[in-house]
Amino acid sequence: MTNATRPDDLERQVAARLAERDARFTQSRRHVVRFLDTADGPISASGLHAGLDGAVPLSSLYRTLSVLEEAGILAREHDADGTARYELAEWLTGHHHHLVCVRCGAIEDVEIDAEAETEMTGLVARIAARRGFSATGHRIDIEGRCPACRSQ
């Protein structure tokens, strides 16, 4: 997925959001944000720990994830098995949806074109309105099998 901000803008925005909450943009938090900025989709804590190659101790990683999530910098998703996976919040990366493999649990970000997104937004609004609900947004997870699992 193409991120909506340049890395220096991303870090400036994250630092500002954390400062609003009297939290520092520590090196551990910076490592996590940088790693997630290059990821293709939400990643589990264990996947982050492995990908960061020891740059953030596991004991610090969970606290880092919690602080970033509480600040609205990270969004937490859950895969089909209930494993928490993390990604940068949409205000940093842009609106997108997910392809979720029901076999291996892989999650991939996917953007749809503006016309399809407009249609989807209208559909969501109509579904919500039927129940007297006012929709303010939506997230779509498309479940299926990834190419690797389909070939097995």
C-alpha atoms as a PDB file:
ATOM      1  CA  MET A   1       0.000   0.000   0.000  1.00  0.00           C
ATOM      2  CA  THR A   2       1.271   3.473  -0.806  1.00  0.00           C
ATOM      3  CA  ASN A   3       1.348   5.522   2.354  1.00  0.00           C
ATOM      4  CA  ALA A   4      -0.186   8.989   2.295  1.00  0.00           C
ATOM      5  CA  THR A   5       2.769  10.672   3.987  1.00  0.00           C
ATOM      6  CA  ARG A   6       6.531  10.806   3.537  1.00  0.00           C
ATOM      7  CA  PRO A   7       8.533   9.178   6.362  1.00  0.00           C
ATOM      8  CA  ASP A   8       9.654  12.550   7.800  1.00  0.00           C
ATOM      9  CA  ASP A   9       6.054  13.830   7.746  1.00  0.00           C
ATOM     10  CA  LEU A  10       4.879  10.583   9.323  1.00  0.00           C
ATOM     11  CA  GLU A  11       7.342  10.868  12.183  1.00  0.00           C
ATOM     12  CA  ARG A  12       6.487  14.544  12.706  1.00  0.00           C
ATOM     13  CA  GLN A  13       2.766  13.705  12.883  1.00  0.00           C
ATOM     14  CA  VAL A  14       3.353  10.796  15.263  1.00  0.00           C
ATOM     15  CA  ALA A  15       5.609  12.901  17.505  1.00  0.00           C
ATOM     16  CA  ALA A  16       2.976  15.663  17.613  1.00  0.00           C
ATOM     17  CA  ARG A  17       0.178  13.209  18.469  1.00  0.00           C
ATOM     18  CA  LEU A  18       2.257  11.679  21.260  1.00  0.00           C
ATOM     19  CA  ALA A  19       3.229  15.117  22.602  1.00  0.00           C
ATOM     20  CA  GLU A  20      -0.478  16.027  22.821  1.00  0.00           C
ATOM     21  CA  ARG A  21      -0.779  13.095  25.218  1.00  0.00           C
ATOM     22  CA  ASP A  22       2.377  13.940  27.164  1.00  0.00           C
ATOM     23  CA  ALA A  23       4.155  10.909  25.716  1.00  0.00           C
ATOM     24  CA  ARG A  24       7.583  10.848  24.127  1.00  0.00           C
ATOM     25  CA  PHE A  25       8.448   9.468  20.696  1.00  0.00           C
ATOM     26  CA  THR A  26      10.982   7.011  22.074  1.00  0.00           C
ATOM     27  CA  GLN A  27      13.372   4.977  19.976  1.00  0.00           C
ATOM     28  CA  SER A  28      11.243   1.858  20.492  1.00  0.00           C
ATOM     29  CA  ARG A  29       8.129   3.679  19.303  1.00  0.00           C
ATOM     30  CA  ARG A  30      10.055   5.074  16.334  1.00  0.00           C
ATOM     31  CA  HIS A  31      11.223   1.555  15.351  1.00  0.00           C
ATOM     32  CA  VAL A  32       7.652   0.217  15.478  1.00  0.00           C
ATOM     33  CA  VAL A  33       6.228   3.125  13.462  1.00  0.00           C
ATOM     34  CA  ARG A  34       8.960   2.859  10.821  1.00  0.00           C
ATOM     35  CA  PHE A  35       8.489  -0.897  10.511  1.00  0.00           C
ATOM     36  CA  LEU A  36       4.697  -0.658  10.199  1.00  0.00           C
ATOM     37  CA  ASP A  37       5.080   2.128   7.628  1.00  0.00           C
ATOM     38  CA  THR A  38       6.715  -0.371   5.269  1.00  0.00           C
ATOM     39  CA  ALA A  39       4.438  -3.331   6.038  1.00  0.00           C
ATOM     40  CA  ASP A  40       1.913  -4.719   3.524  1.00  0.00           C
ATOM     41  CA  GLY A  41      -0.760  -5.155   6.177  1.00  0.00           C
ATOM     42  CA  PRO A  42      -1.398  -5.610   9.886  1.00  0.00           C
ATOM     43  CA  ILE A  43       1.268  -7.564  11.787  1.00  0.00           C
ATOM     44  CA  SER A  44       1.104  -9.506  15.059  1.00  0.00           C
ATOM     45  CA  ALA A  45       3.282  -8.555  18.021  1.00  0.00           C
ATOM     46  CA  SER A  46       5.391 -11.672  17.464  1.00  0.00           C
ATOM     47  CA  GLY A  47       5.772 -10.766  13.782  1.00  0.00           C
ATOM     48  CA  LEU A  48       6.825  -7.248  14.753  1.00  0.00           C
ATOM     49  CA  HIS A  49       9.316  -8.568  17.274  1.00  0.00           C
ATOM     50  CA  ALA A  50      10.846 -10.884  14.683  1.00  0.00           C
ATOM     51  CA  GLY A  51      10.853  -8.178  12.006  1.00  0.00           C
ATOM     52  CA  LEU A  52      12.501  -5.665  14.312  1.00  0.00           C
ATOM     53  CA  ASP A  53      15.284  -8.201  14.889  1.00  0.00           C
ATOM     54  CA  GLY A  54      15.697  -7.423  18.572  1.00  0.00           C
ATOM     55  CA  ALA A  55      15.661  -3.624  18.188  1.00  0.00           C
ATOM     56  CA  VAL A  56      12.738  -3.525  20.628  1.00  0.00           C
ATOM     57  CA  PRO A  57      12.809  -6.018  23.517  1.00  0.00           C
ATOM     58  CA  LEU A  58       9.635  -8.067  23.796  1.00  0.00           C
ATOM     59  CA  SER A  59       9.106  -6.678  27.293  1.00  0.00           C
ATOM     60  CA  SER A  60       8.964  -3.146  25.820  1.00  0.00           C
ATOM     61  CA  LEU A  61       7.079  -4.040  22.658  1.00  0.00           C
ATOM     62  CA  TYR A  62       3.714  -4.647  24.302  1.00  0.00           C
ATOM     63  CA  ARG A  63       3.899  -1.358  26.227  1.00  0.00           C
ATOM     64  CA  THR A  64       4.962   0.429  23.026  1.00  0.00           C
ATOM     65  CA  LEU A  65       2.008  -1.040  21.133  1.00  0.00           C
ATOM     66  CA  SER A  66      -0.362  -0.052  23.933  1.00  0.00           C
ATOM     67  CA  VAL A  67       0.851   3.562  24.047  1.00  0.00           C
ATOM     68  CA  LEU A  68       0.707   3.927  20.254  1.00  0.00           C
ATOM     69  CA  GLU A  69      -2.762   2.384  20.113  1.00  0.00           C
ATOM     70  CA  GLU A  70      -4.082   4.575  22.947  1.00  0.00           C
ATOM     71  CA  ALA A  71      -2.744   7.640  21.099  1.00  0.00           C
ATOM     72  CA  GLY A  72      -4.628   6.609  17.954  1.00  0.00           C
ATOM     73  CA  ILE A  73      -1.437   6.017  15.987  1.00  0.00           C
ATOM     74  CA  LEU A  74      -2.042   2.289  15.618  1.00  0.00           C
ATOM     75  CA  ALA A  75      -5.166   0.369  14.766  1.00  0.00           C
ATOM     76  CA  ARG A  76      -5.583  -3.150  16.111  1.00  0.00           C
ATOM     77  CA  GLU A  77      -7.190  -5.800  13.911  1.00  0.00           C
ATOM     78  CA  HIS A  78      -7.837  -9.450  14.715  1.00  0.00           C
ATOM     79  CA  ASP A  79      -7.262 -12.322  12.324  1.00  0.00           C
ATOM     80  CA  ALA A  80      -9.565 -15.327  11.953  1.00  0.00           C
ATOM     81  CA  ASP A  81      -7.921 -16.995  14.980  1.00  0.00           C
ATOM     82  CA  GLY A  82      -8.316 -13.875  17.149  1.00  0.00           C
ATOM     83  CA  THR A  83      -4.645 -12.906  17.044  1.00  0.00           C
ATOM     84  CA  ALA A  84      -4.205  -9.148  17.433  1.00  0.00           C
ATOM     85  CA  ARG A  85      -2.433  -7.504  14.512  1.00  0.00           C
ATOM     86  CA  TYR A  86      -1.346  -3.886  14.318  1.00  0.00           C
ATOM     87  CA  GLU A  87      -1.068  -1.299  11.572  1.00  0.00           C
ATOM     88  CA  LEU A  88      -0.745   2.459  11.349  1.00  0.00           C
ATOM     89  CA  ALA A  89      -4.065   4.265  11.710  1.00  0.00           C
ATOM     90  CA  GLU A  90      -5.812   5.407   8.543  1.00  0.00           C
ATOM     91  CA  TRP A  91      -5.336   9.101   9.348  1.00  0.00           C
ATOM     92  CA  LEU A  92      -1.639   8.424   8.701  1.00  0.00           C
ATOM     93  CA  THR A  93      -1.842   5.994   5.785  1.00  0.00           C
ATOM     94  CA  GLY A  94      -5.116   6.643   4.005  1.00  0.00           C
ATOM     95  CA  HIS A  95      -8.339   4.655   3.859  1.00  0.00           C
ATOM     96  CA  HIS A  96      -8.038   1.009   2.815  1.00  0.00           C
ATOM     97  CA  HIS A  97      -9.506  -2.443   3.298  1.00  0.00           C
ATOM     98  CA  HIS A  98      -8.046  -5.895   3.946  1.00  0.00           C
ATOM     99  CA  LEU A  99      -7.765  -9.244   2.219  1.00  0.00           C
ATOM    100  CA  VAL A 100      -7.709 -11.892   4.961  1.00  0.00           C
ATOM    101  CA  CYS A 101      -6.570 -15.458   4.320  1.00  0.00           C
ATOM    102  CA  VAL A 102      -8.796 -17.789   6.338  1.00  0.00           C
ATOM    103  CA  ARG A 103      -6.214 -20.567   6.114  1.00  0.00           C
ATOM    104  CA  CYS A 104      -2.882 -18.993   7.112  1.00  0.00           C
ATOM    105  CA  GLY A 105      -4.143 -15.741   8.667  1.00  0.00           C
ATOM    106  CA  ALA A 106      -2.189 -13.426   6.370  1.00  0.00           C
ATOM    107  CA  ILE A 107      -3.705  -9.961   6.055  1.00  0.00           C
ATOM    108  CA  GLU A 108      -2.947  -7.685   3.132  1.00  0.00           C
ATOM    109  CA  ASP A 109      -3.954  -4.052   2.723  1.00  0.00           C
ATOM    110  CA  VAL A 110      -5.925  -3.259  -0.411  1.00  0.00           C
ATOM    111  CA  GLU A 111      -7.088   0.070  -1.777  1.00  0.00           C
ATOM    112  CA  ILE A 112     -10.022   0.305  -4.144  1.00  0.00           C
ATOM    113  CA  ASP A 113     -10.621   2.941  -6.763  1.00  0.00           C
ATOM    114  CA  ALA A 114     -12.577   6.099  -5.934  1.00  0.00           C
ATOM    115  CA  GLU A 115     -15.697   5.022  -7.828  1.00  0.00           C
ATOM    116  CA  ALA A 116     -15.927   1.681  -5.994  1.00  0.00           C
ATOM    117  CA  GLU A 117     -15.222   3.392  -2.663  1.00  0.00           C
ATOM    118  CA  THR A 118     -18.055   5.856  -3.314  1.00  0.00           C
ATOM    119  CA  GLU A 119     -20.409   2.974  -4.092  1.00  0.00           C
ATOM    120  CA  MET A 120     -19.308   1.133  -0.956  1.00  0.00           C
ATOM    121  CA  THR A 121     -19.777   4.244   1.201  1.00  0.00           C
ATOM    122  CA  GLY A 122     -23.314   4.630  -0.171  1.00  0.00           C
ATOM    123  CA  LEU A 123     -24.114   0.979   0.517  1.00  0.00           C
ATOM    124  CA  VAL A 124     -22.802   1.269   4.079  1.00  0.00           C
ATOM    125  CA  ALA A 125     -24.896   4.414   4.636  1.00  0.00           C
ATOM    126  CA  ARG A 126     -28.053   2.691   3.324  1.00  0.00           C
ATOM    127  CA  ILE A 127     -27.528  -0.396   5.489  1.00  0.00           C
ATOM    128  CA  ALA A 128     -26.937   1.765   8.563  1.00  0.00           C
ATOM    129  CA  ALA A 129     -29.913   4.054   7.837  1.00  0.00           C
ATOM    130  CA  ARG A 130     -32.286   1.081   7.698  1.00  0.00           C
ATOM    131  CA  ARG A 131     -31.536   0.574  11.404  1.00  0.00           C
ATOM    132  CA  GLY A 132     -31.585   4.285  12.303  1.00  0.00           C
ATOM    133  CA  PHE A 133     -27.806   4.328  12.524  1.00  0.00           C
ATOM    134  CA  SER A 134     -25.622   7.133  11.183  1.00  0.00           C
ATOM    135  CA  ALA A 135     -22.444   5.628   9.714  1.00  0.00           C
ATOM    136  CA  THR A 136     -19.256   7.653  10.108  1.00  0.00           C
ATOM    137  CA  GLY A 137     -16.960   5.234   8.311  1.00  0.00           C
ATOM    138  CA  HIS A 138     -16.387   1.611   7.412  1.00  0.00           C
ATOM    139  CA  ARG A 139     -13.756  -1.117   7.272  1.00  0.00           C
ATOM    140  CA  ILE A 140     -14.105  -4.087   4.977  1.00  0.00           C
ATOM    141  CA  ASP A 141     -12.284  -7.397   5.417  1.00  0.00           C
ATOM    142  CA  ILE A 142     -12.555  -9.672   2.405  1.00  0.00           C
ATOM    143  CA  GLU A 143     -12.001 -13.258   3.524  1.00  0.00           C
ATOM    144  CA  GLY A 144     -10.697 -15.999   1.298  1.00  0.00           C
ATOM    145  CA  ARG A 145      -7.481 -17.831   0.510  1.00  0.00           C
ATOM    146  CA  CYS A 146      -4.219 -16.155  -0.429  1.00  0.00           C
ATOM    147  CA  PRO A 147      -2.343 -17.322  -3.542  1.00  0.00           C
ATOM    148  CA  ALA A 148       0.038 -19.502  -1.488  1.00  0.00           C
ATOM    149  CA  CYS A 149      -2.811 -21.301   0.281  1.00  0.00           C
ATOM    150  CA  ARG A 150      -4.806 -21.685  -2.936  1.00  0.00           C
ATOM    151  CA  SER A 151      -1.898 -23.532  -4.567  1.00  0.00           C
ATOM    152  CA  GLN A 152      -1.646 -26.083  -1.740  1.00  0.00           C
END
